[in-house]
Amino acid sequence: MNNYFEQGLALLEAEEFQDALAMFDSAIKLGLGDLAAIYLCRSEALLSLGRWDEAEDSINSALAIEPYLAAAYNERGNIRRARRDNDLAINDYTMAIHIEPEYDEAHFNRALAYEARRRYAEAEADLTRALKLNPELKAAYEARGRIRAAQFKFDDAIADLSAYLRSGGGREYDNHSETQGYLLILRVQRLLWRLIPRWGRRA
């Protein structure tokens, strides 16, 4: 019965992952309903159980049924990024964005993969796009601040991290004190960066 899928979703929400997986498997055996969506939800249960290879296989099954399922590419990109397969992750996020250009989460996730590859300009562009699509995406301010700091854009980095703290992001993601400390370091680095040319002229 198609109720297996609905029961699986409820169990997934309740974090009863093993039971949710059983329900999704039953729904797949019946072959009824949106099988691509079922396989994708099944992958979430598998990920929560730490069964990454099976989760990726489940996503691949979803994509075999529905090749233009943006959420599946985004989810597979997350798995690959967690494994540090950042180039493959970037390909997945890019496909998700190609299908849904306004997919703010895919832009955010691709930025993190770009950051891991030290492709900072591309990461910054993705985060700027993500924030334009969703100004409430607090984590994007923190990530863009970090990436701008890596490019010595201290004023912009400080502005982003300050906005992140003002929005309550530091408390929501439990890194408020850490971000405050980083802001202090950036302010010192900005001061030193501004003094370097003067020292150079005196040399």
N, C-alpha and C. Protein backbone atom coordinates (compact mmCIF):
# COMPACT_ATOMS: atom_id res chain seq x y z
N MET A 1 0.85 -1.19 0.00
CA MET A 1 0.00 0.00 0.00
C MET A 1 0.88 1.24 0.00
N ASN A 2 0.37 2.32 -0.61
CA ASN A 2 1.14 3.55 -0.70
C ASN A 2 1.35 4.20 0.66
N ASN A 3 0.58 3.76 1.67
CA ASN A 3 0.74 4.29 3.02
C ASN A 3 2.12 3.99 3.60
N TYR A 4 2.79 3.00 3.05
CA TYR A 4 4.14 2.69 3.52
C TYR A 4 5.05 3.92 3.40
N PHE A 5 4.91 4.63 2.30
CA PHE A 5 5.73 5.82 2.08
C PHE A 5 5.41 6.89 3.12
N GLU A 6 4.13 7.14 3.35
CA GLU A 6 3.73 8.14 4.33
C GLU A 6 4.20 7.75 5.73
N GLN A 7 4.08 6.48 6.06
CA GLN A 7 4.56 6.02 7.37
C GLN A 7 6.07 6.17 7.48
N GLY A 8 6.76 5.89 6.37
CA GLY A 8 8.21 6.05 6.36
C GLY A 8 8.61 7.49 6.60
N LEU A 9 7.90 8.43 5.98
CA LEU A 9 8.19 9.85 6.18
C LEU A 9 7.99 10.26 7.64
N ALA A 10 6.91 9.76 8.23
CA ALA A 10 6.64 10.09 9.64
C ALA A 10 7.73 9.52 10.54
N LEU A 11 8.16 8.32 10.25
CA LEU A 11 9.22 7.70 11.05
C LEU A 11 10.56 8.41 10.85
N LEU A 12 10.80 8.86 9.63
CA LEU A 12 12.02 9.61 9.33
C LEU A 12 12.03 10.91 10.13
N GLU A 13 10.90 11.58 10.17
CA GLU A 13 10.77 12.82 10.94
C GLU A 13 10.98 12.56 12.43
N ALA A 14 10.53 11.41 12.89
CA ALA A 14 10.67 11.05 14.30
C ALA A 14 12.04 10.46 14.63
N GLU A 15 12.92 10.40 13.62
CA GLU A 15 14.28 9.88 13.76
C GLU A 15 14.29 8.39 14.12
N GLU A 16 13.26 7.68 13.68
CA GLU A 16 13.21 6.22 13.80
C GLU A 16 13.70 5.65 12.47
N PHE A 17 15.00 5.75 12.26
CA PHE A 17 15.56 5.55 10.92
C PHE A 17 15.46 4.10 10.43
N GLN A 18 15.70 3.15 11.30
CA GLN A 18 15.63 1.75 10.87
C GLN A 18 14.20 1.38 10.47
N ASP A 19 13.22 1.82 11.25
CA ASP A 19 11.83 1.55 10.92
C ASP A 19 11.41 2.29 9.65
N ALA A 20 11.91 3.52 9.49
CA ALA A 20 11.61 4.28 8.27
C ALA A 20 12.14 3.55 7.04
N LEU A 21 13.36 3.01 7.16
CA LEU A 21 13.97 2.28 6.06
C LEU A 21 13.11 1.07 5.68
N ALA A 22 12.60 0.37 6.67
CA ALA A 22 11.75 -0.80 6.41
C ALA A 22 10.50 -0.39 5.64
N MET A 23 9.92 0.74 5.99
CA MET A 23 8.71 1.22 5.31
C MET A 23 9.02 1.61 3.87
N PHE A 24 10.15 2.29 3.66
CA PHE A 24 10.51 2.68 2.30
C PHE A 24 10.78 1.45 1.44
N ASP A 25 11.42 0.44 2.02
CA ASP A 25 11.68 -0.80 1.29
C ASP A 25 10.37 -1.49 0.90
N SER A 26 9.41 -1.46 1.80
CA SER A 26 8.10 -2.06 1.49
C SER A 26 7.41 -1.30 0.37
N ALA A 27 7.50 0.02 0.40
CA ALA A 27 6.89 0.83 -0.65
C ALA A 27 7.53 0.55 -2.01
N ILE A 28 8.86 0.37 -2.01
CA ILE A 28 9.56 0.08 -3.26
C ILE A 28 9.17 -1.29 -3.81
N LYS A 29 9.02 -2.26 -2.92
CA LYS A 29 8.63 -3.60 -3.36
C LYS A 29 7.27 -3.59 -4.05
N LEU A 30 6.37 -2.74 -3.56
CA LEU A 30 5.05 -2.63 -4.19
C LEU A 30 5.12 -1.94 -5.54
N GLY A 31 6.13 -1.08 -5.71
CA GLY A 31 6.31 -0.40 -6.99
C GLY A 31 5.25 0.64 -7.29
N LEU A 32 4.67 1.20 -6.24
CA LEU A 32 3.60 2.18 -6.43
C LEU A 32 4.08 3.57 -5.98
N GLY A 33 3.48 4.59 -6.58
CA GLY A 33 3.79 5.95 -6.17
C GLY A 33 5.05 6.50 -6.85
N ASP A 34 5.56 7.57 -6.27
CA ASP A 34 6.73 8.26 -6.81
C ASP A 34 7.99 7.54 -6.32
N LEU A 35 8.45 6.57 -7.10
CA LEU A 35 9.58 5.75 -6.66
C LEU A 35 10.86 6.56 -6.51
N ALA A 36 11.05 7.56 -7.36
CA ALA A 36 12.26 8.39 -7.23
C ALA A 36 12.28 9.09 -5.88
N ALA A 37 11.14 9.63 -5.45
CA ALA A 37 11.06 10.30 -4.15
C ALA A 37 11.27 9.30 -3.01
N ILE A 38 10.74 8.10 -3.19
CA ILE A 38 10.91 7.08 -2.15
C ILE A 38 12.38 6.71 -1.99
N TYR A 39 13.06 6.50 -3.13
CA TYR A 39 14.49 6.16 -3.07
C TYR A 39 15.28 7.30 -2.42
N LEU A 40 14.90 8.54 -2.71
CA LEU A 40 15.63 9.68 -2.14
C LEU A 40 15.42 9.75 -0.63
N CYS A 41 14.20 9.56 -0.17
CA CYS A 41 13.94 9.55 1.27
C CYS A 41 14.63 8.36 1.93
N ARG A 42 14.66 7.25 1.23
CA ARG A 42 15.36 6.06 1.73
C ARG A 42 16.83 6.37 1.96
N SER A 43 17.41 7.15 1.06
CA SER A 43 18.83 7.51 1.22
C SER A 43 19.06 8.33 2.48
N GLU A 44 18.09 9.18 2.85
CA GLU A 44 18.23 9.97 4.08
C GLU A 44 18.26 9.06 5.30
N ALA A 45 17.41 8.04 5.29
CA ALA A 45 17.40 7.10 6.41
C ALA A 45 18.73 6.35 6.49
N LEU A 46 19.23 5.93 5.34
CA LEU A 46 20.50 5.20 5.29
C LEU A 46 21.67 6.07 5.76
N LEU A 47 21.67 7.34 5.35
CA LEU A 47 22.71 8.26 5.79
C LEU A 47 22.69 8.42 7.31
N SER A 48 21.50 8.53 7.86
CA SER A 48 21.37 8.69 9.30
C SER A 48 21.83 7.45 10.05
N LEU A 49 21.81 6.31 9.38
CA LEU A 49 22.29 5.06 9.98
C LEU A 49 23.78 4.83 9.71
N GLY A 50 24.41 5.78 9.00
CA GLY A 50 25.84 5.67 8.70
C GLY A 50 26.16 4.73 7.56
N ARG A 51 25.16 4.40 6.76
CA ARG A 51 25.37 3.46 5.65
C ARG A 51 25.49 4.25 4.35
N TRP A 52 26.65 4.89 4.19
CA TRP A 52 26.84 5.87 3.12
C TRP A 52 26.81 5.25 1.73
N ASP A 53 27.48 4.13 1.56
CA ASP A 53 27.51 3.50 0.23
C ASP A 53 26.10 3.14 -0.23
N GLU A 54 25.31 2.58 0.67
CA GLU A 54 23.94 2.23 0.32
C GLU A 54 23.09 3.47 0.05
N ALA A 55 23.37 4.54 0.80
CA ALA A 55 22.65 5.79 0.59
C ALA A 55 22.93 6.34 -0.82
N GLU A 56 24.20 6.29 -1.22
CA GLU A 56 24.54 6.78 -2.56
C GLU A 56 23.89 5.89 -3.63
N ASP A 57 23.87 4.58 -3.40
CA ASP A 57 23.21 3.66 -4.34
C ASP A 57 21.72 3.99 -4.46
N SER A 58 21.11 4.34 -3.33
CA SER A 58 19.68 4.68 -3.35
C SER A 58 19.44 5.96 -4.14
N ILE A 59 20.33 6.93 -4.00
CA ILE A 59 20.23 8.16 -4.79
C ILE A 59 20.39 7.85 -6.27
N ASN A 60 21.35 6.98 -6.59
CA ASN A 60 21.54 6.60 -7.99
C ASN A 60 20.30 5.95 -8.56
N SER A 61 19.60 5.16 -7.74
CA SER A 61 18.35 4.54 -8.18
C SER A 61 17.29 5.59 -8.45
N ALA A 62 17.25 6.62 -7.59
CA ALA A 62 16.30 7.72 -7.80
C ALA A 62 16.59 8.43 -9.11
N LEU A 63 17.87 8.67 -9.39
CA LEU A 63 18.25 9.38 -10.61
C LEU A 63 18.04 8.52 -11.86
N ALA A 64 18.14 7.22 -11.71
CA ALA A 64 17.86 6.33 -12.85
C ALA A 64 16.39 6.43 -13.26
N ILE A 65 15.53 6.70 -12.29
CA ILE A 65 14.09 6.85 -12.57
C ILE A 65 13.77 8.27 -13.03
N GLU A 66 14.36 9.25 -12.33
CA GLU A 66 14.10 10.66 -12.63
C GLU A 66 15.44 11.40 -12.73
N PRO A 67 15.98 11.49 -13.96
CA PRO A 67 17.32 12.07 -14.14
C PRO A 67 17.41 13.56 -13.84
N TYR A 68 16.27 14.23 -13.70
CA TYR A 68 16.28 15.67 -13.46
C TYR A 68 15.76 16.01 -12.06
N LEU A 69 16.14 15.20 -11.11
CA LEU A 69 15.74 15.41 -9.71
C LEU A 69 16.86 16.18 -9.02
N ALA A 70 16.69 17.49 -8.94
CA ALA A 70 17.76 18.35 -8.42
C ALA A 70 18.15 17.98 -7.00
N ALA A 71 17.18 17.66 -6.17
CA ALA A 71 17.48 17.32 -4.77
C ALA A 71 18.38 16.10 -4.66
N ALA A 72 18.24 15.17 -5.60
CA ALA A 72 19.08 13.96 -5.58
C ALA A 72 20.54 14.31 -5.87
N TYR A 73 20.75 15.19 -6.84
CA TYR A 73 22.13 15.61 -7.15
C TYR A 73 22.72 16.36 -5.95
N ASN A 74 21.92 17.21 -5.32
CA ASN A 74 22.41 17.95 -4.16
C ASN A 74 22.79 17.00 -3.03
N GLU A 75 21.95 16.00 -2.79
CA GLU A 75 22.21 15.05 -1.71
C GLU A 75 23.44 14.19 -2.01
N ARG A 76 23.57 13.77 -3.27
CA ARG A 76 24.76 12.98 -3.62
C ARG A 76 26.02 13.83 -3.52
N GLY A 77 25.89 15.11 -3.88
CA GLY A 77 27.01 16.02 -3.72
C GLY A 77 27.44 16.12 -2.27
N ASN A 78 26.49 16.14 -1.35
CA ASN A 78 26.81 16.21 0.08
C ASN A 78 27.60 14.98 0.53
N ILE A 79 27.18 13.82 0.02
CA ILE A 79 27.90 12.59 0.37
C ILE A 79 29.33 12.64 -0.16
N ARG A 80 29.47 13.05 -1.38
CA ARG A 80 30.79 13.10 -2.01
C ARG A 80 31.68 14.16 -1.35
N ARG A 81 31.09 15.27 -0.98
CA ARG A 81 31.88 16.31 -0.29
C ARG A 81 32.34 15.81 1.07
N ALA A 82 31.47 15.09 1.77
CA ALA A 82 31.85 14.53 3.08
C ALA A 82 33.00 13.56 2.94
N ARG A 83 33.09 12.91 1.78
CA ARG A 83 34.19 11.98 1.51
C ARG A 83 35.41 12.69 0.92
N ARG A 84 35.31 14.00 0.78
CA ARG A 84 36.37 14.83 0.20
C ARG A 84 36.56 14.59 -1.28
N ASP A 85 35.54 14.06 -1.93
CA ASP A 85 35.54 13.97 -3.39
C ASP A 85 34.92 15.25 -3.93
N ASN A 86 35.66 16.36 -3.72
CA ASN A 86 35.07 17.67 -3.97
C ASN A 86 34.80 17.96 -5.44
N ASP A 87 35.62 17.45 -6.33
CA ASP A 87 35.37 17.69 -7.75
C ASP A 87 34.08 17.01 -8.20
N LEU A 88 33.87 15.77 -7.74
CA LEU A 88 32.62 15.08 -8.07
C LEU A 88 31.44 15.78 -7.41
N ALA A 89 31.63 16.26 -6.19
CA ALA A 89 30.57 16.99 -5.50
C ALA A 89 30.20 18.25 -6.28
N ILE A 90 31.20 18.98 -6.76
CA ILE A 90 30.95 20.19 -7.55
C ILE A 90 30.13 19.85 -8.79
N ASN A 91 30.45 18.75 -9.43
CA ASN A 91 29.68 18.33 -10.61
C ASN A 91 28.22 18.09 -10.26
N ASP A 92 27.99 17.44 -9.11
CA ASP A 92 26.62 17.17 -8.70
C ASP A 92 25.86 18.46 -8.37
N TYR A 93 26.49 19.33 -7.62
CA TYR A 93 25.83 20.59 -7.28
C TYR A 93 25.55 21.42 -8.53
N THR A 94 26.49 21.39 -9.47
CA THR A 94 26.30 22.14 -10.72
C THR A 94 25.10 21.60 -11.49
N MET A 95 24.94 20.28 -11.49
CA MET A 95 23.79 19.69 -12.16
C MET A 95 22.50 20.10 -11.46
N ALA A 96 22.50 20.10 -10.14
CA ALA A 96 21.31 20.53 -9.39
C ALA A 96 20.94 21.97 -9.73
N ILE A 97 21.96 22.83 -9.84
CA ILE A 97 21.72 24.24 -10.16
C ILE A 97 21.27 24.40 -11.61
N HIS A 98 21.79 23.56 -12.49
CA HIS A 98 21.37 23.60 -13.90
C HIS A 98 19.87 23.28 -14.00
N ILE A 99 19.42 22.33 -13.19
CA ILE A 99 18.01 21.94 -13.21
C ILE A 99 17.15 23.00 -12.52
N GLU A 100 17.64 23.49 -11.36
CA GLU A 100 16.91 24.50 -10.59
C GLU A 100 17.85 25.68 -10.30
N PRO A 101 17.93 26.66 -11.18
CA PRO A 101 18.89 27.77 -11.01
C PRO A 101 18.73 28.53 -9.70
N GLU A 102 17.56 28.50 -9.09
CA GLU A 102 17.33 29.24 -7.85
C GLU A 102 17.41 28.33 -6.61
N TYR A 103 18.14 27.26 -6.72
CA TYR A 103 18.30 26.29 -5.63
C TYR A 103 19.38 26.82 -4.69
N ASP A 104 18.97 27.59 -3.69
CA ASP A 104 19.93 28.28 -2.82
C ASP A 104 20.82 27.31 -2.06
N GLU A 105 20.26 26.18 -1.63
CA GLU A 105 21.05 25.21 -0.87
C GLU A 105 22.17 24.61 -1.71
N ALA A 106 21.89 24.36 -2.99
CA ALA A 106 22.92 23.81 -3.88
C ALA A 106 24.03 24.83 -4.11
N HIS A 107 23.68 26.10 -4.24
CA HIS A 107 24.69 27.15 -4.37
C HIS A 107 25.57 27.19 -3.11
N PHE A 108 24.93 27.12 -1.94
CA PHE A 108 25.67 27.14 -0.68
C PHE A 108 26.62 25.94 -0.59
N ASN A 109 26.10 24.76 -0.89
CA ASN A 109 26.92 23.55 -0.78
C ASN A 109 28.06 23.54 -1.80
N ARG A 110 27.79 24.03 -3.01
CA ARG A 110 28.87 24.08 -4.01
C ARG A 110 29.96 25.04 -3.55
N ALA A 111 29.56 26.11 -2.88
CA ALA A 111 30.56 27.06 -2.36
C ALA A 111 31.50 26.37 -1.38
N LEU A 112 30.96 25.50 -0.53
CA LEU A 112 31.81 24.80 0.43
C LEU A 112 32.77 23.84 -0.28
N ALA A 113 32.29 23.23 -1.35
CA ALA A 113 33.18 22.35 -2.13
C ALA A 113 34.25 23.16 -2.84
N TYR A 114 33.86 24.32 -3.37
CA TYR A 114 34.85 25.21 -3.99
C TYR A 114 35.89 25.67 -2.96
N GLU A 115 35.42 25.98 -1.76
CA GLU A 115 36.34 26.41 -0.69
C GLU A 115 37.36 25.32 -0.39
N ALA A 116 36.89 24.08 -0.34
CA ALA A 116 37.80 22.96 -0.06
C ALA A 116 38.86 22.82 -1.15
N ARG A 117 38.53 23.24 -2.37
CA ARG A 117 39.49 23.19 -3.48
C ARG A 117 40.26 24.51 -3.62
N ARG A 118 40.03 25.43 -2.67
CA ARG A 118 40.66 26.76 -2.66
C ARG A 118 40.31 27.59 -3.89
N ARG A 119 39.13 27.36 -4.39
CA ARG A 119 38.61 28.16 -5.51
C ARG A 119 37.71 29.24 -4.90
N TYR A 120 38.38 30.20 -4.26
CA TYR A 120 37.68 31.13 -3.40
C TYR A 120 36.75 32.09 -4.15
N ALA A 121 37.17 32.56 -5.32
CA ALA A 121 36.33 33.50 -6.06
C ALA A 121 35.00 32.85 -6.45
N GLU A 122 35.07 31.59 -6.88
CA GLU A 122 33.85 30.88 -7.26
C GLU A 122 32.99 30.60 -6.04
N ALA A 123 33.63 30.29 -4.92
CA ALA A 123 32.89 30.05 -3.68
C ALA A 123 32.17 31.32 -3.24
N GLU A 124 32.86 32.44 -3.31
CA GLU A 124 32.25 33.72 -2.91
C GLU A 124 31.06 34.05 -3.81
N ALA A 125 31.21 33.83 -5.11
CA ALA A 125 30.11 34.11 -6.04
C ALA A 125 28.88 33.24 -5.73
N ASP A 126 29.12 31.98 -5.41
CA ASP A 126 28.00 31.09 -5.08
C ASP A 126 27.29 31.53 -3.80
N LEU A 127 28.06 31.94 -2.80
CA LEU A 127 27.45 32.38 -1.55
C LEU A 127 26.68 33.67 -1.72
N THR A 128 27.20 34.56 -2.54
CA THR A 128 26.48 35.80 -2.83
C THR A 128 25.16 35.50 -3.52
N ARG A 129 25.19 34.54 -4.44
CA ARG A 129 23.96 34.12 -5.13
C ARG A 129 22.99 33.47 -4.15
N ALA A 130 23.51 32.62 -3.28
CA ALA A 130 22.65 31.94 -2.29
C ALA A 130 21.96 32.96 -1.39
N LEU A 131 22.69 33.99 -0.97
CA LEU A 131 22.12 35.01 -0.09
C LEU A 131 21.12 35.89 -0.84
N LYS A 132 21.33 36.10 -2.11
CA LYS A 132 20.36 36.86 -2.89
C LYS A 132 19.05 36.07 -3.00
N LEU A 133 19.17 34.75 -3.16
CA LEU A 133 17.99 33.90 -3.27
C LEU A 133 17.30 33.72 -1.92
N ASN A 134 18.12 33.67 -0.86
CA ASN A 134 17.58 33.43 0.48
C ASN A 134 18.37 34.24 1.51
N PRO A 135 17.96 35.49 1.77
CA PRO A 135 18.70 36.34 2.72
C PRO A 135 18.69 35.79 4.15
N GLU A 136 17.83 34.82 4.43
CA GLU A 136 17.76 34.23 5.78
C GLU A 136 18.75 33.08 5.97
N LEU A 137 19.55 32.81 4.96
CA LEU A 137 20.51 31.70 5.03
C LEU A 137 21.73 32.16 5.84
N LYS A 138 21.60 32.12 7.15
CA LYS A 138 22.60 32.71 8.05
C LYS A 138 23.99 32.11 7.86
N ALA A 139 24.06 30.80 7.68
CA ALA A 139 25.36 30.14 7.56
C ALA A 139 26.15 30.66 6.36
N ALA A 140 25.46 31.20 5.36
CA ALA A 140 26.14 31.70 4.18
C ALA A 140 26.96 32.95 4.51
N TYR A 141 26.48 33.76 5.46
CA TYR A 141 27.26 34.93 5.87
C TYR A 141 28.57 34.50 6.54
N GLU A 142 28.48 33.50 7.41
CA GLU A 142 29.69 33.01 8.08
C GLU A 142 30.67 32.42 7.07
N ALA A 143 30.15 31.62 6.14
CA ALA A 143 31.02 30.99 5.14
C ALA A 143 31.65 32.04 4.22
N ARG A 144 30.84 33.03 3.79
CA ARG A 144 31.39 34.06 2.90
C ARG A 144 32.42 34.92 3.63
N GLY A 145 32.17 35.18 4.91
CA GLY A 145 33.16 35.93 5.68
C GLY A 145 34.49 35.19 5.75
N ARG A 146 34.41 33.90 5.97
CA ARG A 146 35.62 33.07 6.04
C ARG A 146 36.36 33.07 4.70
N ILE A 147 35.60 32.96 3.62
CA ILE A 147 36.19 32.90 2.29
C ILE A 147 36.76 34.25 1.87
N ARG A 148 36.09 35.32 2.23
CA ARG A 148 36.63 36.65 1.92
C ARG A 148 37.91 36.92 2.71
N ALA A 149 37.96 36.43 3.94
CA ALA A 149 39.18 36.58 4.73
C ALA A 149 40.34 35.86 4.07
N ALA A 150 40.07 34.70 3.47
CA ALA A 150 41.11 33.94 2.78
C ALA A 150 41.65 34.69 1.57
N GLN A 151 40.86 35.65 1.05
CA GLN A 151 41.28 36.47 -0.09
C GLN A 151 41.78 37.85 0.36
N PHE A 152 41.98 38.02 1.69
CA PHE A 152 42.46 39.27 2.28
C PHE A 152 41.46 40.42 2.09
N LYS A 153 40.20 40.10 1.93
CA LYS A 153 39.15 41.11 1.86
C LYS A 153 38.61 41.34 3.27
N PHE A 154 39.42 41.96 4.09
CA PHE A 154 39.13 42.01 5.52
C PHE A 154 37.87 42.81 5.86
N ASP A 155 37.67 43.94 5.19
CA ASP A 155 36.48 44.75 5.48
C ASP A 155 35.21 43.95 5.17
N ASP A 156 35.18 43.31 4.03
CA ASP A 156 34.00 42.53 3.64
C ASP A 156 33.82 41.32 4.55
N ALA A 157 34.92 40.69 4.91
CA ALA A 157 34.85 39.52 5.80
C ALA A 157 34.28 39.91 7.16
N ILE A 158 34.77 41.01 7.71
CA ILE A 158 34.29 41.48 9.00
C ILE A 158 32.81 41.84 8.94
N ALA A 159 32.41 42.49 7.84
CA ALA A 159 30.99 42.85 7.68
C ALA A 159 30.11 41.59 7.65
N ASP A 160 30.56 40.57 6.93
CA ASP A 160 29.78 39.33 6.84
C ASP A 160 29.67 38.63 8.19
N LEU A 161 30.78 38.50 8.88
CA LEU A 161 30.77 37.80 10.16
C LEU A 161 29.98 38.59 11.22
N SER A 162 30.03 39.90 11.13
CA SER A 162 29.24 40.72 12.05
C SER A 162 27.75 40.53 11.77
N ALA A 163 27.39 40.48 10.48
CA ALA A 163 26.00 40.23 10.11
C ALA A 163 25.54 38.87 10.58
N TYR A 164 26.44 37.89 10.50
CA TYR A 164 26.12 36.54 10.97
C TYR A 164 25.80 36.54 12.46
N LEU A 165 26.61 37.25 13.25
CA LEU A 165 26.37 37.30 14.69
C LEU A 165 25.10 38.08 15.01
N ARG A 166 24.87 39.20 14.30
CA ARG A 166 23.66 40.00 14.56
C ARG A 166 22.39 39.21 14.25
N SER A 167 22.47 38.34 13.26
CA SER A 167 21.29 37.56 12.88
C SER A 167 21.00 36.41 13.85
N GLY A 168 21.92 36.17 14.77
CA GLY A 168 21.75 35.07 15.71
C GLY A 168 22.33 33.76 15.21
N GLY A 169 23.05 33.83 14.11
CA GLY A 169 23.63 32.61 13.53
C GLY A 169 24.61 31.93 14.46
N GLY A 170 25.40 32.73 15.18
CA GLY A 170 26.39 32.14 16.08
C GLY A 170 25.77 31.29 17.17
N ARG A 171 24.63 31.75 17.67
CA ARG A 171 23.95 30.98 18.72
C ARG A 171 23.21 29.78 18.12
N GLU A 172 22.66 29.98 16.93
CA GLU A 172 21.93 28.88 16.28
C GLU A 172 22.87 27.74 15.93
N TYR A 173 24.08 28.07 15.48
CA TYR A 173 25.04 27.03 15.08
C TYR A 173 26.10 26.77 16.16
N ASP A 174 25.89 27.36 17.33
CA ASP A 174 26.74 27.11 18.50
C ASP A 174 28.21 27.44 18.24
N ASN A 175 28.45 28.56 17.56
CA ASN A 175 29.83 29.00 17.37
C ASN A 175 29.96 30.51 17.58
N HIS A 176 29.11 31.04 18.45
CA HIS A 176 29.10 32.49 18.69
C HIS A 176 30.45 32.98 19.23
N SER A 177 30.94 32.35 20.29
CA SER A 177 32.20 32.78 20.89
C SER A 177 33.37 32.58 19.93
N GLU A 178 33.34 31.46 19.21
CA GLU A 178 34.40 31.18 18.23
C GLU A 178 34.43 32.25 17.14
N THR A 179 33.25 32.66 16.67
CA THR A 179 33.17 33.68 15.62
C THR A 179 33.61 35.03 16.15
N GLN A 180 33.25 35.36 17.39
CA GLN A 180 33.71 36.60 18.00
C GLN A 180 35.24 36.64 18.07
N GLY A 181 35.83 35.52 18.46
CA GLY A 181 37.28 35.44 18.52
C GLY A 181 37.92 35.61 17.16
N TYR A 182 37.31 35.00 16.15
CA TYR A 182 37.82 35.11 14.79
C TYR A 182 37.72 36.55 14.29
N LEU A 183 36.62 37.23 14.64
CA LEU A 183 36.46 38.63 14.26
C LEU A 183 37.58 39.49 14.85
N LEU A 184 37.93 39.23 16.08
CA LEU A 184 39.02 39.98 16.72
C LEU A 184 40.33 39.76 15.96
N ILE A 185 40.60 38.51 15.60
CA ILE A 185 41.82 38.20 14.83
C ILE A 185 41.80 38.93 13.49
N LEU A 186 40.65 38.95 12.83
CA LEU A 186 40.56 39.62 11.53
C LEU A 186 40.79 41.12 11.64
N ARG A 187 40.31 41.71 12.72
CA ARG A 187 40.52 43.15 12.91
C ARG A 187 42.00 43.45 13.11
N VAL A 188 42.68 42.58 13.82
CA VAL A 188 44.13 42.75 14.00
C VAL A 188 44.84 42.56 12.66
N GLN A 189 44.45 41.53 11.92
CA GLN A 189 45.06 41.28 10.61
C GLN A 189 44.81 42.44 9.66
N ARG A 190 43.62 43.03 9.72
CA ARG A 190 43.32 44.18 8.85
C ARG A 190 44.24 45.35 9.19
N LEU A 191 44.46 45.58 10.48
CA LEU A 191 45.34 46.67 10.90
C LEU A 191 46.76 46.44 10.40
N LEU A 192 47.25 45.22 10.58
CA LEU A 192 48.61 44.90 10.13
C LEU A 192 48.72 45.03 8.61
N TRP A 193 47.66 44.58 7.92
CA TRP A 193 47.66 44.64 6.45
C TRP A 193 47.76 46.08 5.96
N ARG A 194 47.11 46.98 6.70
CA ARG A 194 47.14 48.40 6.31
C ARG A 194 48.48 49.04 6.64
N LEU A 195 49.17 48.51 7.65
CA LEU A 195 50.46 49.08 8.04
C LEU A 195 51.61 48.60 7.17
N ILE A 196 51.46 47.45 6.54
CA ILE A 196 52.56 46.86 5.75
C ILE A 196 53.08 47.81 4.68
N PRO A 197 52.23 48.48 3.90
CA PRO A 197 52.78 49.40 2.87
C PRO A 197 53.62 50.52 3.48
N ARG A 198 53.20 50.99 4.67
CA ARG A 198 53.97 52.06 5.31
C ARG A 198 55.34 51.54 5.71
N TRP A 199 55.37 50.36 6.27
CA TRP A 199 56.66 49.78 6.64
C TRP A 199 57.54 49.59 5.41
N GLY A 200 56.90 49.22 4.32
CA GLY A 200 57.64 48.99 3.08
C GLY A 200 58.28 50.27 2.58
N ARG A 201 57.54 51.41 2.76
CA ARG A 201 58.09 52.66 2.28
C ARG A 201 59.26 53.12 3.16
N ARG A 202 59.23 52.75 4.44
CA ARG A 202 60.31 53.17 5.34
C ARG A 202 61.57 52.33 5.16
N ALA A 203 61.42 51.14 4.62
CA ALA A 203 62.55 50.23 4.49
C ALA A 203 63.59 50.78 3.51
